Amino acid sequence: MMKNLSLWVLTLCTMTLMAGAQAPAKKPGEAVSLKGVSFKGEIKPGAAITAVLQFQIQDGFHVQANPASEDTYVPAVLKLDPAVGVVSSPAKYPAGKEEKVTGLDKPLKVYEKTFEILVPMKLDTTASLPLSLTGTLSYQACKGSTCFPPRRLKVDLKLP
């Protein structure tokens, strides 16, 4: 009985370690993920719609707003790749929240927790639905006064 219990505990510990090893660890600065995509307006050929991209920021991090507080800071920038049948207008960014960071004279304009970017777009009258769009969110995440190298997050938008 004791031998079986020891074997069971050893197996459980091994499975726990293996499960932990399979979970990819986030690298410093990989603090943003795409939470969801929705659309305002009726999605049909010839329509003007707005894509709403919702981003989640990992607790304890912030991302430089667009526009950034200083020219030397890296703002969050969304760029959609060209797609047949879709003309995208420039993205609209939310106002950044002012945050005082130790060691800096002026507050920063940042995004924390979640933020949304709106992308107005026009569908061609001959657009063939469904459509898939891709793009990239470029951003720089910081934790307090420590900023990590800029990152790129790929985004996918599916127009039904």
N, C-alpha and C. Protein backbone atom coordinates (compact mmCIF):
# COMPACT_ATOMS: atom_id res chain seq x y z
N MET A 1 0.83 -1.19 0.00
CA MET A 1 0.00 0.00 0.00
C MET A 1 0.87 1.26 0.00
N MET A 2 1.90 1.27 0.86
CA MET A 2 2.78 2.43 0.94
C MET A 2 3.54 2.61 -0.38
N LYS A 3 3.91 1.49 -1.01
CA LYS A 3 4.62 1.55 -2.27
C LYS A 3 3.73 2.17 -3.35
N ASN A 4 2.47 1.78 -3.37
CA ASN A 4 1.53 2.33 -4.34
C ASN A 4 1.30 3.82 -4.11
N LEU A 5 1.20 4.24 -2.85
CA LEU A 5 1.00 5.64 -2.51
C LEU A 5 2.21 6.45 -2.95
N SER A 6 3.42 5.95 -2.71
CA SER A 6 4.64 6.65 -3.12
C SER A 6 4.70 6.79 -4.64
N LEU A 7 4.35 5.73 -5.34
CA LEU A 7 4.35 5.77 -6.80
C LEU A 7 3.33 6.78 -7.31
N TRP A 8 2.16 6.83 -6.69
CA TRP A 8 1.12 7.77 -7.08
C TRP A 8 1.58 9.22 -6.86
N VAL A 9 2.20 9.49 -5.71
CA VAL A 9 2.70 10.84 -5.41
C VAL A 9 3.78 11.23 -6.41
N LEU A 10 4.69 10.32 -6.72
CA LEU A 10 5.76 10.60 -7.68
C LEU A 10 5.16 10.89 -9.06
N THR A 11 4.17 10.12 -9.48
CA THR A 11 3.51 10.34 -10.77
C THR A 11 2.82 11.69 -10.79
N LEU A 12 2.11 12.04 -9.73
CA LEU A 12 1.42 13.31 -9.64
C LEU A 12 2.40 14.48 -9.72
N CYS A 13 3.52 14.39 -9.01
CA CYS A 13 4.53 15.45 -9.04
C CYS A 13 5.12 15.59 -10.44
N THR A 14 5.40 14.48 -11.10
CA THR A 14 5.96 14.51 -12.45
C THR A 14 4.97 15.14 -13.42
N MET A 15 3.68 14.79 -13.32
CA MET A 15 2.67 15.37 -14.21
C MET A 15 2.53 16.86 -13.96
N THR A 16 2.61 17.29 -12.72
CA THR A 16 2.52 18.71 -12.40
C THR A 16 3.69 19.47 -13.00
N LEU A 17 4.90 18.93 -12.87
CA LEU A 17 6.07 19.58 -13.46
C LEU A 17 5.97 19.65 -14.97
N MET A 18 5.51 18.57 -15.59
CA MET A 18 5.38 18.56 -17.04
C MET A 18 4.33 19.57 -17.50
N ALA A 19 3.22 19.68 -16.80
CA ALA A 19 2.18 20.63 -17.17
C ALA A 19 2.71 22.05 -17.05
N GLY A 20 3.48 22.33 -16.02
CA GLY A 20 4.07 23.66 -15.85
C GLY A 20 5.06 23.98 -16.95
N ALA A 21 5.80 22.99 -17.41
CA ALA A 21 6.78 23.21 -18.45
C ALA A 21 6.12 23.49 -19.79
N GLN A 22 4.89 23.01 -20.00
CA GLN A 22 4.22 23.21 -21.27
C GLN A 22 3.62 24.60 -21.40
N ALA A 23 3.36 25.28 -20.30
CA ALA A 23 2.78 26.61 -20.36
C ALA A 23 3.87 27.62 -20.73
N PRO A 24 3.74 28.30 -21.88
CA PRO A 24 4.77 29.24 -22.27
C PRO A 24 4.79 30.44 -21.34
N ALA A 25 5.96 30.80 -20.89
CA ALA A 25 6.10 31.97 -20.03
C ALA A 25 6.14 33.22 -20.90
N LYS A 26 5.47 34.27 -20.45
CA LYS A 26 5.52 35.52 -21.19
C LYS A 26 6.88 36.16 -20.97
N LYS A 27 7.41 36.71 -22.04
CA LYS A 27 8.66 37.45 -21.94
C LYS A 27 8.35 38.83 -21.40
N PRO A 28 9.32 39.47 -20.72
CA PRO A 28 9.08 40.83 -20.24
C PRO A 28 8.68 41.73 -21.40
N GLY A 29 7.67 42.53 -21.20
CA GLY A 29 7.23 43.45 -22.23
C GLY A 29 6.10 42.90 -23.08
N GLU A 30 5.83 41.59 -23.05
CA GLU A 30 4.70 41.02 -23.77
C GLU A 30 3.47 41.15 -22.88
N ALA A 31 3.01 42.35 -22.79
CA ALA A 31 1.98 42.66 -21.81
C ALA A 31 0.62 42.93 -22.42
N VAL A 32 0.50 42.86 -23.75
CA VAL A 32 -0.76 43.21 -24.40
C VAL A 32 -1.29 42.03 -25.20
N SER A 33 -2.60 41.83 -25.13
CA SER A 33 -3.25 40.80 -25.93
C SER A 33 -4.53 41.38 -26.52
N LEU A 34 -4.97 40.79 -27.63
CA LEU A 34 -6.22 41.19 -28.26
C LEU A 34 -7.36 40.51 -27.52
N LYS A 35 -8.20 41.31 -26.89
CA LYS A 35 -9.30 40.79 -26.08
C LYS A 35 -10.52 40.46 -26.95
N GLY A 36 -10.76 41.27 -27.98
CA GLY A 36 -11.91 41.02 -28.83
C GLY A 36 -12.01 42.02 -29.96
N VAL A 37 -12.80 41.66 -30.97
CA VAL A 37 -13.07 42.52 -32.12
C VAL A 37 -14.57 42.54 -32.35
N SER A 38 -15.13 43.73 -32.50
CA SER A 38 -16.54 43.85 -32.86
C SER A 38 -16.66 44.91 -33.95
N PHE A 39 -17.86 45.02 -34.50
CA PHE A 39 -18.07 45.97 -35.59
C PHE A 39 -19.31 46.80 -35.32
N LYS A 40 -19.23 48.09 -35.67
CA LYS A 40 -20.38 48.97 -35.61
C LYS A 40 -20.86 49.18 -37.04
N GLY A 41 -22.14 49.01 -37.26
CA GLY A 41 -22.71 49.16 -38.60
C GLY A 41 -23.01 47.80 -39.20
N GLU A 42 -23.81 47.83 -40.25
CA GLU A 42 -24.20 46.60 -40.93
C GLU A 42 -23.10 46.20 -41.91
N ILE A 43 -22.62 44.97 -41.77
CA ILE A 43 -21.53 44.49 -42.62
C ILE A 43 -22.15 43.94 -43.90
N LYS A 44 -22.02 44.73 -44.97
CA LYS A 44 -22.52 44.33 -46.28
C LYS A 44 -21.75 45.12 -47.33
N PRO A 45 -21.68 44.63 -48.56
CA PRO A 45 -20.97 45.36 -49.61
C PRO A 45 -21.49 46.79 -49.73
N GLY A 46 -20.56 47.74 -49.86
CA GLY A 46 -20.90 49.15 -50.00
C GLY A 46 -21.09 49.87 -48.67
N ALA A 47 -21.01 49.18 -47.56
CA ALA A 47 -21.29 49.78 -46.25
C ALA A 47 -20.06 50.47 -45.65
N ALA A 48 -20.34 51.45 -44.83
CA ALA A 48 -19.31 52.09 -44.00
C ALA A 48 -19.48 51.50 -42.60
N ILE A 49 -18.42 50.91 -42.07
CA ILE A 49 -18.47 50.28 -40.75
C ILE A 49 -17.28 50.75 -39.93
N THR A 50 -17.29 50.41 -38.66
CA THR A 50 -16.16 50.70 -37.78
C THR A 50 -15.78 49.44 -37.03
N ALA A 51 -14.51 49.06 -37.15
CA ALA A 51 -13.99 47.94 -36.37
C ALA A 51 -13.57 48.46 -35.00
N VAL A 52 -13.95 47.74 -33.96
CA VAL A 52 -13.60 48.10 -32.59
C VAL A 52 -12.70 46.98 -32.06
N LEU A 53 -11.43 47.31 -31.86
CA LEU A 53 -10.47 46.33 -31.35
C LEU A 53 -10.22 46.62 -29.88
N GLN A 54 -10.46 45.62 -29.04
CA GLN A 54 -10.30 45.77 -27.60
C GLN A 54 -9.03 45.04 -27.18
N PHE A 55 -8.14 45.75 -26.49
CA PHE A 55 -6.88 45.19 -26.05
C PHE A 55 -6.84 45.09 -24.53
N GLN A 56 -6.22 44.05 -24.03
CA GLN A 56 -6.05 43.80 -22.60
C GLN A 56 -4.57 44.01 -22.26
N ILE A 57 -4.30 44.75 -21.20
CA ILE A 57 -2.93 44.97 -20.73
C ILE A 57 -2.76 44.22 -19.41
N GLN A 58 -1.69 43.48 -19.32
CA GLN A 58 -1.39 42.69 -18.12
C GLN A 58 -1.29 43.61 -16.90
N ASP A 59 -1.79 43.13 -15.76
CA ASP A 59 -1.75 43.91 -14.52
C ASP A 59 -0.34 44.38 -14.21
N GLY A 60 -0.24 45.63 -13.77
CA GLY A 60 1.05 46.20 -13.38
C GLY A 60 1.79 46.87 -14.52
N PHE A 61 1.33 46.68 -15.75
CA PHE A 61 1.97 47.29 -16.92
C PHE A 61 1.15 48.46 -17.41
N HIS A 62 1.78 49.33 -18.19
CA HIS A 62 1.07 50.34 -18.96
C HIS A 62 1.73 50.41 -20.33
N VAL A 63 1.00 50.99 -21.27
CA VAL A 63 1.45 51.15 -22.64
C VAL A 63 1.39 52.63 -22.97
N GLN A 64 2.37 53.13 -23.71
CA GLN A 64 2.37 54.53 -24.11
C GLN A 64 1.16 54.81 -24.98
N ALA A 65 0.44 55.90 -24.69
CA ALA A 65 -0.76 56.27 -25.44
C ALA A 65 -0.37 56.78 -26.83
N ASN A 66 -1.38 57.00 -27.65
CA ASN A 66 -1.17 57.60 -28.97
C ASN A 66 -2.06 58.83 -29.06
N PRO A 67 -1.45 60.03 -29.12
CA PRO A 67 -0.02 60.30 -29.20
C PRO A 67 0.67 60.11 -27.85
N ALA A 68 1.96 59.81 -27.92
CA ALA A 68 2.76 59.63 -26.70
C ALA A 68 3.05 60.98 -26.06
N SER A 69 3.41 60.95 -24.79
CA SER A 69 3.69 62.18 -24.05
C SER A 69 4.89 62.93 -24.60
N GLU A 70 5.88 62.20 -25.08
CA GLU A 70 7.11 62.79 -25.62
C GLU A 70 7.42 62.16 -26.97
N ASP A 71 8.11 62.89 -27.82
CA ASP A 71 8.47 62.37 -29.15
C ASP A 71 9.36 61.14 -29.07
N THR A 72 10.12 61.00 -28.00
CA THR A 72 11.04 59.88 -27.88
C THR A 72 10.37 58.60 -27.38
N TYR A 73 9.12 58.69 -26.91
CA TYR A 73 8.41 57.52 -26.43
C TYR A 73 7.72 56.83 -27.60
N VAL A 74 7.52 55.53 -27.49
CA VAL A 74 6.91 54.73 -28.57
C VAL A 74 5.41 54.60 -28.29
N PRO A 75 4.57 55.24 -29.13
CA PRO A 75 3.12 55.14 -28.90
C PRO A 75 2.56 53.82 -29.42
N ALA A 76 1.37 53.48 -28.95
CA ALA A 76 0.64 52.33 -29.50
C ALA A 76 0.15 52.74 -30.89
N VAL A 77 0.45 51.90 -31.90
CA VAL A 77 0.05 52.20 -33.27
C VAL A 77 -0.52 50.94 -33.90
N LEU A 78 -1.73 51.05 -34.43
CA LEU A 78 -2.37 49.93 -35.12
C LEU A 78 -2.31 50.18 -36.62
N LYS A 79 -1.81 49.20 -37.36
CA LYS A 79 -1.78 49.27 -38.82
C LYS A 79 -2.43 48.01 -39.37
N LEU A 80 -3.45 48.22 -40.21
CA LEU A 80 -4.09 47.09 -40.87
C LEU A 80 -3.46 46.91 -42.24
N ASP A 81 -3.28 45.66 -42.63
CA ASP A 81 -2.73 45.34 -43.94
C ASP A 81 -3.81 45.60 -45.00
N PRO A 82 -3.39 46.02 -46.21
CA PRO A 82 -4.38 46.23 -47.27
C PRO A 82 -5.13 44.93 -47.58
N ALA A 83 -6.41 45.08 -47.88
CA ALA A 83 -7.24 43.91 -48.23
C ALA A 83 -8.14 44.29 -49.40
N VAL A 84 -8.33 43.36 -50.31
CA VAL A 84 -9.18 43.58 -51.48
C VAL A 84 -10.62 43.82 -51.00
N GLY A 85 -11.21 44.92 -51.47
CA GLY A 85 -12.60 45.21 -51.15
C GLY A 85 -12.80 46.04 -49.89
N VAL A 86 -11.70 46.45 -49.22
CA VAL A 86 -11.82 47.23 -47.98
C VAL A 86 -10.87 48.41 -48.03
N VAL A 87 -11.38 49.59 -47.70
CA VAL A 87 -10.54 50.77 -47.57
C VAL A 87 -10.63 51.21 -46.11
N SER A 88 -9.50 51.13 -45.42
CA SER A 88 -9.45 51.51 -44.00
C SER A 88 -9.03 52.96 -43.87
N SER A 89 -9.67 53.67 -42.95
CA SER A 89 -9.27 55.03 -42.61
C SER A 89 -8.30 54.96 -41.43
N PRO A 90 -7.63 56.08 -41.13
CA PRO A 90 -6.71 56.05 -39.98
C PRO A 90 -7.43 55.67 -38.69
N ALA A 91 -6.72 54.93 -37.85
CA ALA A 91 -7.26 54.47 -36.56
C ALA A 91 -7.50 55.66 -35.63
N LYS A 92 -8.50 55.49 -34.76
CA LYS A 92 -8.81 56.50 -33.75
C LYS A 92 -8.45 55.92 -32.39
N TYR A 93 -7.60 56.63 -31.66
CA TYR A 93 -7.07 56.14 -30.39
C TYR A 93 -7.75 56.85 -29.22
N PRO A 94 -7.91 56.16 -28.10
CA PRO A 94 -8.48 56.81 -26.92
C PRO A 94 -7.48 57.78 -26.29
N ALA A 95 -8.00 58.71 -25.53
CA ALA A 95 -7.12 59.63 -24.78
C ALA A 95 -6.39 58.81 -23.73
N GLY A 96 -5.13 59.11 -23.53
CA GLY A 96 -4.36 58.41 -22.51
C GLY A 96 -4.65 58.96 -21.13
N LYS A 97 -4.49 58.09 -20.15
CA LYS A 97 -4.64 58.48 -18.75
C LYS A 97 -3.29 59.04 -18.29
N GLU A 98 -3.31 60.15 -17.58
CA GLU A 98 -2.06 60.71 -17.07
C GLU A 98 -1.61 59.94 -15.84
N GLU A 99 -0.36 59.50 -15.86
CA GLU A 99 0.21 58.73 -14.76
C GLU A 99 1.55 59.33 -14.36
N LYS A 100 1.72 59.58 -13.08
CA LYS A 100 2.99 60.07 -12.56
C LYS A 100 3.89 58.87 -12.30
N VAL A 101 5.08 58.91 -12.89
CA VAL A 101 6.03 57.82 -12.74
C VAL A 101 7.26 58.35 -12.01
N THR A 102 7.68 57.62 -10.98
CA THR A 102 8.85 58.02 -10.20
C THR A 102 10.06 58.20 -11.12
N GLY A 103 10.73 59.33 -10.96
CA GLY A 103 11.93 59.60 -11.75
C GLY A 103 11.67 60.49 -12.96
N LEU A 104 10.40 60.73 -13.28
CA LEU A 104 10.07 61.59 -14.41
C LEU A 104 9.41 62.87 -13.91
N ASP A 105 9.76 63.99 -14.55
CA ASP A 105 9.21 65.27 -14.14
C ASP A 105 7.74 65.43 -14.49
N LYS A 106 7.37 65.00 -15.69
CA LYS A 106 6.00 65.18 -16.16
C LYS A 106 5.26 63.84 -16.16
N PRO A 107 3.94 63.89 -15.94
CA PRO A 107 3.16 62.65 -16.03
C PRO A 107 3.17 62.11 -17.46
N LEU A 108 3.00 60.81 -17.59
CA LEU A 108 2.93 60.16 -18.89
C LEU A 108 1.47 59.98 -19.29
N LYS A 109 1.21 59.94 -20.60
CA LYS A 109 -0.11 59.57 -21.10
C LYS A 109 -0.01 58.10 -21.47
N VAL A 110 -0.81 57.28 -20.77
CA VAL A 110 -0.70 55.83 -20.93
C VAL A 110 -2.07 55.17 -21.03
N TYR A 111 -2.04 53.91 -21.47
CA TYR A 111 -3.21 53.03 -21.40
C TYR A 111 -2.89 51.99 -20.34
N GLU A 112 -3.90 51.68 -19.52
CA GLU A 112 -3.77 50.64 -18.50
C GLU A 112 -5.00 49.73 -18.58
N LYS A 113 -4.83 48.50 -18.17
CA LYS A 113 -5.89 47.49 -18.08
C LYS A 113 -6.48 47.16 -19.45
N THR A 114 -7.33 48.03 -20.01
CA THR A 114 -7.89 47.79 -21.34
C THR A 114 -7.95 49.10 -22.11
N PHE A 115 -7.96 48.99 -23.43
CA PHE A 115 -8.19 50.15 -24.27
C PHE A 115 -8.76 49.68 -25.60
N GLU A 116 -9.47 50.59 -26.28
CA GLU A 116 -10.08 50.27 -27.57
C GLU A 116 -9.54 51.19 -28.65
N ILE A 117 -9.33 50.62 -29.82
CA ILE A 117 -8.95 51.39 -31.00
C ILE A 117 -10.05 51.21 -32.02
N LEU A 118 -10.51 52.31 -32.60
CA LEU A 118 -11.57 52.28 -33.61
C LEU A 118 -10.96 52.48 -34.99
N VAL A 119 -11.40 51.67 -35.95
CA VAL A 119 -10.91 51.80 -37.32
C VAL A 119 -12.11 51.91 -38.26
N PRO A 120 -12.38 53.14 -38.74
CA PRO A 120 -13.44 53.30 -39.74
C PRO A 120 -13.00 52.65 -41.05
N MET A 121 -13.93 51.99 -41.72
CA MET A 121 -13.60 51.38 -43.01
C MET A 121 -14.81 51.38 -43.91
N LYS A 122 -14.52 51.33 -45.20
CA LYS A 122 -15.56 51.30 -46.22
C LYS A 122 -15.39 50.02 -47.02
N LEU A 123 -16.48 49.27 -47.15
CA LEU A 123 -16.47 48.05 -47.95
C LEU A 123 -16.87 48.40 -49.38
N ASP A 124 -16.13 47.89 -50.32
CA ASP A 124 -16.43 48.10 -51.73
C ASP A 124 -17.78 47.47 -52.06
N THR A 125 -18.47 48.02 -53.06
CA THR A 125 -19.77 47.47 -53.44
C THR A 125 -19.66 46.05 -53.99
N THR A 126 -18.45 45.68 -54.43
CA THR A 126 -18.24 44.32 -54.95
C THR A 126 -17.51 43.43 -53.94
N ALA A 127 -17.40 43.88 -52.70
CA ALA A 127 -16.69 43.10 -51.67
C ALA A 127 -17.36 41.74 -51.49
N SER A 128 -16.53 40.72 -51.44
CA SER A 128 -17.02 39.36 -51.26
C SER A 128 -16.85 38.96 -49.80
N LEU A 129 -17.99 38.81 -49.12
CA LEU A 129 -17.96 38.44 -47.70
C LEU A 129 -18.09 36.94 -47.55
N PRO A 130 -17.54 36.33 -46.55
CA PRO A 130 -16.77 36.92 -45.44
C PRO A 130 -15.37 37.34 -45.89
N LEU A 131 -14.80 38.27 -45.11
CA LEU A 131 -13.46 38.79 -45.36
C LEU A 131 -12.61 38.64 -44.11
N SER A 132 -11.32 38.46 -44.34
CA SER A 132 -10.37 38.43 -43.22
C SER A 132 -9.36 39.54 -43.41
N LEU A 133 -9.13 40.28 -42.35
CA LEU A 133 -8.12 41.34 -42.35
C LEU A 133 -7.07 41.01 -41.31
N THR A 134 -5.85 41.40 -41.58
CA THR A 134 -4.77 41.23 -40.62
C THR A 134 -4.11 42.57 -40.37
N GLY A 135 -3.37 42.65 -39.30
CA GLY A 135 -2.66 43.88 -38.99
C GLY A 135 -1.72 43.67 -37.83
N THR A 136 -1.16 44.77 -37.36
CA THR A 136 -0.18 44.72 -36.28
C THR A 136 -0.38 45.91 -35.34
N LEU A 137 -0.37 45.61 -34.04
CA LEU A 137 -0.32 46.66 -33.03
C LEU A 137 1.12 46.75 -32.56
N SER A 138 1.73 47.90 -32.78
CA SER A 138 3.08 48.15 -32.26
C SER A 138 2.92 48.93 -30.97
N TYR A 139 3.67 48.55 -29.95
CA TYR A 139 3.53 49.21 -28.65
C TYR A 139 4.80 49.04 -27.83
N GLN A 140 4.91 49.84 -26.78
CA GLN A 140 5.99 49.68 -25.81
C GLN A 140 5.35 49.58 -24.43
N ALA A 141 5.57 48.46 -23.78
CA ALA A 141 5.02 48.24 -22.45
C ALA A 141 6.05 48.64 -21.40
N CYS A 142 5.55 49.18 -20.31
CA CYS A 142 6.41 49.58 -19.20
C CYS A 142 5.78 49.10 -17.90
N LYS A 143 6.62 48.87 -16.94
CA LYS A 143 6.19 48.51 -15.59
C LYS A 143 6.85 49.54 -14.70
N GLY A 144 6.04 50.51 -14.22
CA GLY A 144 6.62 51.62 -13.48
C GLY A 144 7.50 52.44 -14.41
N SER A 145 8.74 52.69 -14.00
CA SER A 145 9.66 53.46 -14.85
C SER A 145 10.54 52.56 -15.71
N THR A 146 10.32 51.24 -15.66
CA THR A 146 11.09 50.31 -16.48
C THR A 146 10.31 50.00 -17.75
N CYS A 147 10.87 50.39 -18.89
CA CYS A 147 10.23 50.13 -20.17
C CYS A 147 10.97 49.02 -20.90
N PHE A 148 10.21 48.19 -21.59
CA PHE A 148 10.75 47.05 -22.32
C PHE A 148 10.85 47.40 -23.80
N PRO A 149 11.63 46.64 -24.55
CA PRO A 149 11.74 46.94 -25.99
C PRO A 149 10.37 46.91 -26.66
N PRO A 150 10.19 47.73 -27.70
CA PRO A 150 8.91 47.73 -28.42
C PRO A 150 8.57 46.34 -28.94
N ARG A 151 7.27 46.05 -29.00
CA ARG A 151 6.76 44.76 -29.44
C ARG A 151 5.74 44.96 -30.56
N ARG A 152 5.46 43.87 -31.25
CA ARG A 152 4.41 43.86 -32.28
C ARG A 152 3.46 42.71 -31.98
N LEU A 153 2.18 43.01 -31.99
CA LEU A 153 1.15 42.02 -31.75
C LEU A 153 0.33 41.88 -33.03
N LYS A 154 0.28 40.68 -33.59
CA LYS A 154 -0.52 40.45 -34.79
C LYS A 154 -1.99 40.40 -34.41
N VAL A 155 -2.83 40.99 -35.26
CA VAL A 155 -4.27 40.99 -35.03
C VAL A 155 -4.97 40.45 -36.27
N ASP A 156 -6.07 39.76 -36.05
CA ASP A 156 -6.92 39.23 -37.14
C ASP A 156 -8.33 39.71 -36.93
N LEU A 157 -8.93 40.21 -38.00
CA LEU A 157 -10.32 40.66 -37.98
C LEU A 157 -11.09 39.84 -38.99
N LYS A 158 -12.18 39.26 -38.58
CA LYS A 158 -13.03 38.46 -39.47
C LYS A 158 -14.36 39.19 -39.67
N LEU A 159 -14.62 39.60 -40.90
CA LEU A 159 -15.89 40.22 -41.23
C LEU A 159 -16.82 39.13 -41.73
N PRO A 160 -17.89 38.84 -41.00
CA PRO A 160 -18.79 37.74 -41.39
C PRO A 160 -19.59 38.05 -42.64
